[in-house]
């Protein structure tokens, strides 16, 4: 069985108020061409089709047109699309019946009444257990193993078994993701790989944007990654995965096919941080004809100039690139290091304005009459809100 594994399209994503429709359409067209060349048996789209649960009509039309084009590129291929945590499961389920006419299976929510609906037999090729995102606190006990056991009973010809999931697996590389902590990535709590059962030949994962194998010793658990970057820190190659499995129990053979992004996300400088003046010089030297999104990494001792954003926008006004944001890192100097340390008792007994005055002195800022008046006004407003 030959599979194209992709996920995390995030259609409709807006990057710092810039619409990304052109590059998303480019990605979808490349996807169709890859299908035309590779002629897979199965096309797996493992969640986060859209960036929001309420995509615009234009975004939904772009998706449906893309699926038709992908189907036409290989009419015998089975297309399976599952919802991710960014998607509305209901929207995926609404049109599941008419989609079947094109060999498209969509899964927005878990069918708790009949979980066998999630097992799809690909005639003479294998089985796909297609699961959408399920809140990790609401996953039925032993769900994954039940489905794998049922599939095993049906699989009398020892054909390959594929399972999908949109989740966070403990031990994965979440480079580039925001909203991460010791318990979750992107709002999804970690699952241990053992919780997803055993008996699959390939576990096709979505949610993490960095393409990778999750190391289990079997080389068969994989995040395909997002086909185009969603954030500036996703500064790695973005691809789709082609997976081939000869029979049940065989190790998958995986190839990656790069996706070209016509509007790359570029950080200046590429490594580290620069002073504001040096960053401006680098931005001036950036090629005029590259349609990139730009982030500037700036080191500061205090604050950026008030007109810094306008300056950056003026520098790129005649270029094709688009300035997005500053990423600042404060460097320590004597003027911004705190020299006064208060005990808890001192902090609790001193007046707020005294603490503010001391803080301003440590920072080398004059806490004049105007600032004192503004501080007292802010303090009164806080007290009023609390009362």
Protein backbone atom coordinates (compact mmCIF):
# COMPACT_ATOMS: atom_id res chain seq x y z
CA UNK A 1 0.00 0.00 0.00
CA UNK A 2 1.26 3.46 -0.94
CA UNK A 3 0.19 6.42 1.16
CA UNK A 4 0.58 10.18 0.94
CA UNK A 5 0.65 11.44 4.53
CA UNK A 6 0.00 15.13 5.20
CA UNK A 7 -1.54 17.23 7.96
CA UNK A 8 -1.83 20.69 9.49
CA UNK A 9 -2.72 22.70 6.41
CA UNK A 10 -4.19 25.48 8.58
CA UNK A 11 -6.12 26.94 5.66
CA UNK A 12 -7.31 30.47 6.38
CA UNK A 13 -4.31 31.28 8.58
CA UNK A 14 -3.63 35.02 8.83
CA UNK A 15 -0.01 35.98 9.59
CA UNK A 16 0.17 39.35 11.37
CA UNK A 17 -2.83 40.62 9.38
CA UNK A 18 -1.47 39.30 6.08
CA UNK A 19 -3.71 36.90 4.16
CA UNK A 20 -1.85 33.74 3.09
CA UNK A 21 -4.30 32.60 0.44
CA UNK A 22 -1.77 32.78 -2.42
CA UNK A 23 0.81 30.54 -0.75
CA UNK A 24 -1.86 28.14 0.54
CA UNK A 25 -3.26 27.77 -2.96
CA UNK A 26 0.27 27.16 -4.24
CA UNK A 27 0.69 24.41 -1.64
CA UNK A 28 -2.61 22.78 -2.65
CA UNK A 29 -1.66 22.83 -6.33
CA UNK A 30 1.69 21.22 -5.50
CA UNK A 31 -0.17 18.59 -3.48
CA UNK A 32 -2.29 17.71 -6.51
CA UNK A 33 0.80 17.43 -8.72
CA UNK A 34 2.51 15.15 -6.23
CA UNK A 35 -0.57 12.92 -6.28
CA UNK A 36 -0.54 12.93 -10.08
CA UNK A 37 3.10 11.83 -10.09
CA UNK A 38 3.03 9.35 -7.20
CA UNK A 39 -0.43 7.79 -7.74
CA UNK A 40 -0.92 6.73 -4.10
CA UNK A 41 -3.55 4.26 -2.95
CA UNK A 42 -4.47 6.46 0.02
CA UNK A 43 -4.29 10.19 0.73
CA UNK A 44 -4.22 10.87 4.49
CA UNK A 45 -4.95 14.37 5.80
CA UNK A 46 -4.51 14.05 9.56
CA UNK A 47 -6.18 17.08 11.08
CA UNK A 48 -6.06 20.87 11.32
CA UNK A 49 -7.38 21.31 7.81
CA UNK A 50 -8.43 24.82 8.82
CA UNK A 51 -6.78 27.28 11.18
CA UNK A 52 -10.05 28.15 12.94
CA UNK A 53 -13.27 26.32 13.69
CA UNK A 54 -15.19 28.94 11.69
CA UNK A 55 -13.34 29.24 8.36
CA UNK A 56 -14.60 31.75 5.83
CA UNK A 57 -16.63 30.68 2.79
CA UNK A 58 -13.61 31.50 0.61
CA UNK A 59 -11.37 29.22 2.66
CA UNK A 60 -13.89 26.37 2.62
CA UNK A 61 -14.28 26.73 -1.14
CA UNK A 62 -10.49 26.58 -1.54
CA UNK A 63 -10.45 23.31 0.41
CA UNK A 64 -13.30 21.65 -1.47
CA UNK A 65 -11.87 22.69 -4.85
CA UNK A 66 -8.50 21.29 -3.80
CA UNK A 67 -9.98 17.93 -2.80
CA UNK A 68 -11.73 17.63 -6.16
CA UNK A 69 -8.49 18.48 -7.96
CA UNK A 70 -6.58 15.96 -5.85
CA UNK A 71 -9.20 13.30 -6.59
CA UNK A 72 -8.99 14.02 -10.32
CA UNK A 73 -5.20 13.62 -10.17
CA UNK A 74 -5.70 9.99 -9.09
CA UNK A 75 -9.37 8.90 -9.34
CA UNK A 76 -8.74 5.43 -7.88
CA UNK A 77 -7.17 6.84 -4.71
CA UNK A 78 -9.04 6.84 -1.39
CA UNK A 79 -8.94 10.22 0.38
CA UNK A 80 -9.28 10.29 4.17
CA UNK A 81 -9.52 13.60 6.03
CA UNK A 82 -9.82 13.82 9.81
CA UNK A 83 -10.49 16.84 11.99
CA UNK A 84 -7.84 18.34 14.25
CA UNK A 85 -8.12 20.45 17.38
CA UNK A 86 -8.30 23.63 15.27
CA UNK A 87 -11.20 22.27 13.21
CA UNK A 88 -14.91 22.05 13.81
CA UNK A 89 -15.75 18.36 13.87
CA UNK A 90 -19.36 19.12 12.91
CA UNK A 91 -18.28 20.94 9.75
CA UNK A 92 -16.28 17.88 8.69
CA UNK A 93 -19.23 15.58 9.26
CA UNK A 94 -21.89 17.64 7.46
CA UNK A 95 -20.88 16.62 3.93
CA UNK A 96 -19.48 13.16 4.62
CA UNK A 97 -22.24 11.44 2.60
CA UNK A 98 -21.84 13.37 -0.69
CA UNK A 99 -18.04 13.23 -0.38
CA UNK A 100 -18.18 9.43 -0.55
CA UNK A 101 -19.11 9.70 -4.25
CA UNK A 102 -15.54 10.89 -4.86
CA UNK A 103 -13.96 8.30 -2.61
CA UNK A 104 -13.48 10.83 0.18
CA UNK A 105 -13.98 9.83 3.82
CA UNK A 106 -14.24 12.62 6.37
CA UNK A 107 -14.23 12.15 10.13
CA UNK A 108 -15.03 15.09 12.37
CA UNK A 109 -15.96 13.29 15.57
CA UNK A 110 -15.59 9.86 17.08
CA UNK A 111 -18.61 7.63 16.37
CA UNK A 112 -19.10 6.28 19.88
CA UNK A 113 -22.12 4.21 18.88
CA UNK A 114 -20.18 2.23 16.30
CA UNK A 115 -16.43 2.64 16.39
CA UNK A 116 -16.05 0.21 13.49
CA UNK A 117 -17.16 3.08 11.20
CA UNK A 118 -13.60 4.34 11.62
CA UNK A 119 -12.10 1.23 10.00
CA UNK A 120 -11.79 1.65 6.23
CA UNK A 121 -10.79 -1.26 4.05
CA UNK A 122 -8.81 -0.33 0.97
CA UNK A 123 -9.62 -3.27 -1.34
CA UNK A 124 -6.63 -5.56 -1.91
CA UNK A 125 -4.33 -2.97 -0.30
CA UNK A 126 -4.90 -2.72 3.44
CA UNK A 127 -6.81 -1.05 6.26
CA UNK A 128 -6.91 2.48 7.64
CA UNK A 129 -8.19 3.23 11.13
CA UNK A 130 -9.11 6.90 10.78
CA UNK A 131 -9.46 8.81 14.05
CA UNK A 132 -10.01 12.57 14.37
CA UNK A 133 -8.84 14.66 17.31
CA UNK A 134 -10.41 13.46 20.55
CA UNK A 135 -9.90 15.46 23.73
CA UNK A 136 -7.43 13.36 25.65
CA UNK A 137 -9.65 13.44 28.75
CA UNK A 138 -12.56 11.97 26.76
CA UNK A 139 -10.83 9.10 24.96
CA UNK A 140 -12.77 5.89 25.70
CA UNK A 141 -10.79 3.29 27.60
CA UNK A 142 -8.78 1.01 25.34
CA UNK A 143 -10.21 2.67 22.20
CA UNK A 144 -7.11 2.30 20.04
CA UNK A 145 -6.46 -1.31 20.94
CA UNK A 146 -10.12 -2.25 20.40
CA UNK A 147 -9.99 -0.88 16.86
CA UNK A 148 -6.66 -2.58 16.17
CA UNK A 149 -7.99 -5.90 17.47
CA UNK A 150 -11.12 -5.68 15.29
CA UNK A 151 -8.98 -4.84 12.28
CA UNK A 152 -6.69 -7.78 13.01
CA UNK A 153 -9.69 -10.13 13.01
CA UNK A 154 -10.75 -8.82 9.58
CA UNK A 155 -7.24 -8.83 8.12
CA UNK A 156 -7.08 -12.46 6.99
CA UNK A 157 -4.68 -11.60 4.13
CA UNK A 158 -2.08 -9.88 6.36
CA UNK A 159 -2.41 -6.57 4.54
CA UNK A 160 -0.86 -3.37 5.96
CA UNK A 161 -2.68 -1.63 8.84
CA UNK A 162 -2.51 2.15 9.15
CA UNK A 163 -3.88 4.21 12.04
CA UNK A 164 -4.23 7.99 12.26
CA UNK A 165 -4.26 10.28 15.28
CA UNK A 166 -4.12 14.02 15.88
CA UNK A 167 -2.40 14.36 19.22
CA UNK A 168 0.84 15.03 21.14
CA UNK A 169 3.08 12.02 21.72
CA UNK A 170 5.50 12.25 24.63
CA UNK A 171 9.07 12.56 23.37
CA UNK A 172 8.24 14.37 20.13
CA UNK A 173 10.24 17.37 18.89
CA UNK A 174 7.91 20.38 19.11
CA UNK A 175 10.42 22.94 17.76
CA UNK A 176 8.62 26.03 16.49
CA UNK A 177 5.42 25.56 18.48
CA UNK A 178 4.02 28.18 20.81
CA UNK A 179 1.95 27.33 23.89
CA UNK A 180 4.09 24.48 25.19
CA UNK A 181 4.74 23.28 28.74
CA UNK A 182 5.60 20.12 30.64
CA UNK A 183 2.13 18.69 30.02
CA UNK A 184 0.99 19.74 26.57
CA UNK A 185 1.84 21.21 23.17
CA UNK A 186 -0.58 23.50 21.38
CA UNK A 187 -3.33 22.78 23.88
CA UNK A 188 -3.15 18.97 23.57
CA UNK A 189 -1.84 17.00 26.53
CA UNK A 190 0.88 14.40 26.00
CA UNK A 191 -0.04 10.77 25.43
CA UNK A 192 2.43 7.97 25.95
CA UNK A 193 2.87 5.93 22.78
CA UNK A 194 1.76 2.79 24.63
CA UNK A 195 -1.70 4.32 25.04
CA UNK A 196 -2.24 4.05 21.27
CA UNK A 197 -2.03 0.28 21.34
CA UNK A 198 -0.07 -2.14 19.18
CA UNK A 199 -0.73 -3.88 15.90
CA UNK A 200 -0.46 -1.03 13.39
CA UNK A 201 2.22 -0.97 10.72
CA UNK A 202 2.28 2.82 10.50
CA UNK A 203 0.87 5.46 12.86
CA UNK A 204 0.14 8.61 10.82
CA UNK A 205 0.18 11.57 13.17
CA UNK A 206 -0.91 15.18 12.91
CA UNK A 207 -0.62 18.25 15.19
CA UNK A 208 3.17 18.72 15.51
CA UNK A 209 4.50 20.84 12.63
CA UNK A 210 8.06 19.47 12.61
CA UNK A 211 8.24 16.34 10.43
CA UNK A 212 9.81 13.48 12.37
CA UNK A 213 9.71 9.88 13.47
CA UNK A 214 8.82 9.38 17.11
CA UNK A 215 11.42 6.90 18.27
CA UNK A 216 9.83 3.67 19.45
CA UNK A 217 12.37 1.22 18.07
CA UNK A 218 10.09 0.26 15.17
CA UNK A 219 10.47 3.31 12.88
CA UNK A 220 6.72 3.38 12.19
CA UNK A 221 5.34 6.33 14.19
CA UNK A 222 5.55 9.59 12.26
CA UNK A 223 4.50 13.21 12.21
CA UNK A 224 4.50 14.34 8.58
CA UNK A 225 4.62 18.01 9.67
CA UNK A 226 2.90 21.01 8.14
CA UNK A 227 3.44 21.60 4.41
CA UNK A 228 4.12 25.32 4.90
CA UNK A 229 5.30 27.10 8.07
CA UNK A 230 2.72 28.63 10.41
CA UNK A 231 5.20 30.55 12.59
CA UNK A 232 8.65 32.13 12.19
CA UNK A 233 10.30 29.61 14.50
CA UNK A 234 9.36 26.77 12.15
CA UNK A 235 12.63 27.30 10.32
CA UNK A 236 12.98 23.76 8.98
CA UNK A 237 12.07 22.07 5.73
CA UNK A 238 8.36 21.46 5.18
CA UNK A 239 7.31 18.39 3.27
CA UNK A 240 4.73 15.69 2.62
CA UNK A 241 5.54 12.03 3.31
CA UNK A 242 5.20 9.16 0.88
CA UNK A 243 4.89 5.86 2.78
CA UNK A 244 5.03 2.39 1.23
CA UNK A 245 4.30 -0.85 3.13
CA UNK A 246 4.40 -4.28 1.46
CA UNK A 247 2.53 -6.33 4.04
CA UNK A 248 1.39 -6.49 7.64
CA UNK A 249 4.44 -6.55 9.89
CA UNK A 250 6.81 -4.99 7.35
CA UNK A 251 8.75 -1.82 8.09
CA UNK A 252 7.44 1.23 6.22
CA UNK A 253 9.61 2.90 3.58
CA UNK A 254 9.25 6.67 3.87
CA UNK A 255 10.24 9.42 1.45
CA UNK A 256 9.81 13.17 1.88
CA UNK A 257 8.81 15.53 -0.89
CA UNK A 258 9.52 19.23 -0.22
CA UNK A 259 6.80 21.84 -0.62
CA UNK A 260 7.95 25.16 -2.04
CA UNK A 261 6.59 28.25 -0.28
CA UNK A 262 6.50 31.30 -2.58
CA UNK A 263 6.29 33.59 0.47
CA UNK A 264 8.94 32.31 2.94
CA UNK A 265 9.09 33.40 6.57
CA UNK A 266 12.46 35.09 7.08
CA UNK A 267 14.14 36.18 10.33
CA UNK A 268 16.82 38.90 10.20
CA UNK A 269 19.51 38.24 11.29
CA UNK A 270 19.30 34.53 10.52
CA UNK A 271 21.08 33.65 13.76
CA UNK A 272 21.11 35.61 16.98
CA UNK A 273 20.10 39.22 17.52
CA UNK A 274 21.31 42.57 16.16
CA UNK A 275 21.21 46.16 17.31
CA UNK A 276 18.42 48.27 15.89
CA UNK A 277 20.81 50.15 13.59
CA UNK A 278 22.39 46.94 12.29
CA UNK A 279 18.99 45.34 11.76
CA UNK A 280 17.85 48.35 9.74
CA UNK A 281 20.94 48.04 7.57
CA UNK A 282 20.26 44.32 6.98
CA UNK A 283 16.65 45.07 6.11
CA UNK A 284 17.76 47.69 3.57
CA UNK A 285 20.03 45.09 1.95
CA UNK A 286 17.27 42.44 1.73
CA UNK A 287 16.52 41.74 -1.97
CA UNK A 288 13.74 43.83 -3.45
CA UNK A 289 12.13 40.98 -5.38
CA UNK A 290 11.67 38.30 -2.68
CA UNK A 291 8.06 38.08 -1.43
CA UNK A 292 8.93 37.14 2.12
CA UNK A 293 7.45 37.84 5.53
CA UNK A 294 10.05 39.49 7.76
CA UNK A 295 10.74 39.26 11.48
CA UNK A 296 13.54 41.35 13.00
CA UNK A 297 15.50 39.98 15.97
CA UNK A 298 16.58 43.04 17.95
CA UNK A 299 18.68 43.29 21.11
CA UNK A 300 17.75 46.21 23.34
CA UNK A 301 19.02 47.71 26.57
CA UNK A 302 15.85 49.69 27.25
CA UNK A 303 13.18 50.16 24.57
CA UNK A 304 12.96 50.37 20.80
CA UNK A 305 12.46 53.88 19.41
CA UNK A 306 8.75 54.83 19.36
CA UNK A 307 8.77 55.08 15.55
CA UNK A 308 10.66 51.82 14.95
CA UNK A 309 7.71 50.06 13.32
CA UNK A 310 7.15 52.97 10.93
CA UNK A 311 10.84 52.99 10.05
CA UNK A 312 10.82 49.28 9.24
CA UNK A 313 7.69 49.63 7.13
CA UNK A 314 9.19 52.57 5.23
CA UNK A 315 12.37 50.60 4.49
CA UNK A 316 10.35 47.80 2.84
CA UNK A 317 7.79 50.11 1.20
CA UNK A 318 9.34 49.62 -2.26
CA UNK A 319 10.24 45.97 -1.73
CA UNK A 320 8.03 42.91 -2.23
CA UNK A 321 8.65 41.64 1.31
CA UNK A 322 6.30 42.38 4.19
CA UNK A 323 7.44 43.45 7.65
CA UNK A 324 5.62 41.55 10.40
CA UNK A 325 7.13 42.03 13.84
CA UNK A 326 10.04 42.68 16.18
CA UNK A 327 11.38 39.88 18.35
CA UNK A 328 13.32 41.65 21.10
CA UNK A 329 15.86 40.42 23.64
CA UNK A 330 16.90 42.66 26.50
CA UNK A 331 20.62 42.72 27.32
CA UNK A 332 21.82 43.48 30.82
CA UNK A 333 23.51 46.76 31.70
CA UNK A 334 24.12 48.50 34.98
CA UNK A 335 21.17 50.78 34.28
CA UNK A 336 18.66 47.98 33.84
CA UNK A 337 19.89 45.66 36.57
CA UNK A 338 17.97 45.70 39.84
CA UNK A 339 20.22 46.81 42.70
CA UNK A 340 17.62 46.82 45.47
CA UNK A 341 16.27 43.62 46.97
CA UNK A 342 13.28 43.60 49.32
CA UNK A 343 12.27 40.93 51.75
CA UNK A 344 8.66 39.75 51.66
CA UNK A 345 7.98 41.65 54.87
CA UNK A 346 9.50 44.85 53.46
CA UNK A 347 7.49 44.46 50.25
CA UNK A 348 4.26 44.01 52.23
CA UNK A 349 4.83 47.01 54.54
CA UNK A 350 6.10 49.61 52.06
CA UNK A 351 3.73 51.82 50.08
CA UNK A 352 3.27 50.99 46.36
CA UNK A 353 4.56 54.38 45.23
CA UNK A 354 7.74 53.93 47.31
CA UNK A 355 8.38 50.59 45.60
CA UNK A 356 7.72 52.18 42.19
CA UNK A 357 10.13 55.04 42.93
CA UNK A 358 12.86 52.61 43.98
CA UNK A 359 12.28 50.51 40.84
CA UNK A 360 12.55 53.62 38.65
CA UNK A 361 15.79 54.61 40.38
CA UNK A 362 17.25 51.13 39.80
CA UNK A 363 16.38 51.46 36.11
CA UNK A 364 17.83 54.96 35.84
CA UNK A 365 14.43 56.50 35.08
CA UNK A 366 13.40 59.85 36.59
CA UNK A 367 10.18 59.29 38.52
CA UNK A 368 9.01 62.91 38.18
CA UNK A 369 5.77 64.53 39.36
CA UNK A 370 3.93 63.56 36.17
CA UNK A 371 4.83 59.87 36.47
CA UNK A 372 3.90 59.91 40.16
CA UNK A 373 0.49 61.38 39.30
CA UNK A 374 -0.10 58.76 36.58
CA UNK A 375 0.94 56.00 38.98
CA UNK A 376 -1.51 57.22 41.66
CA UNK A 377 -4.33 57.40 39.08
CA UNK A 378 -3.62 53.84 37.91
CA UNK A 379 -3.54 52.62 41.52
CA UNK A 380 -6.93 54.25 42.26
CA UNK A 381 -8.47 52.66 39.16
CA UNK A 382 -7.21 49.24 40.24
CA UNK A 383 -8.66 49.72 43.71
CA UNK A 384 -12.00 50.80 42.20
CA UNK A 385 -12.11 47.70 39.95
CA UNK A 386 -11.40 45.44 42.92
CA UNK A 387 -14.12 47.02 45.02
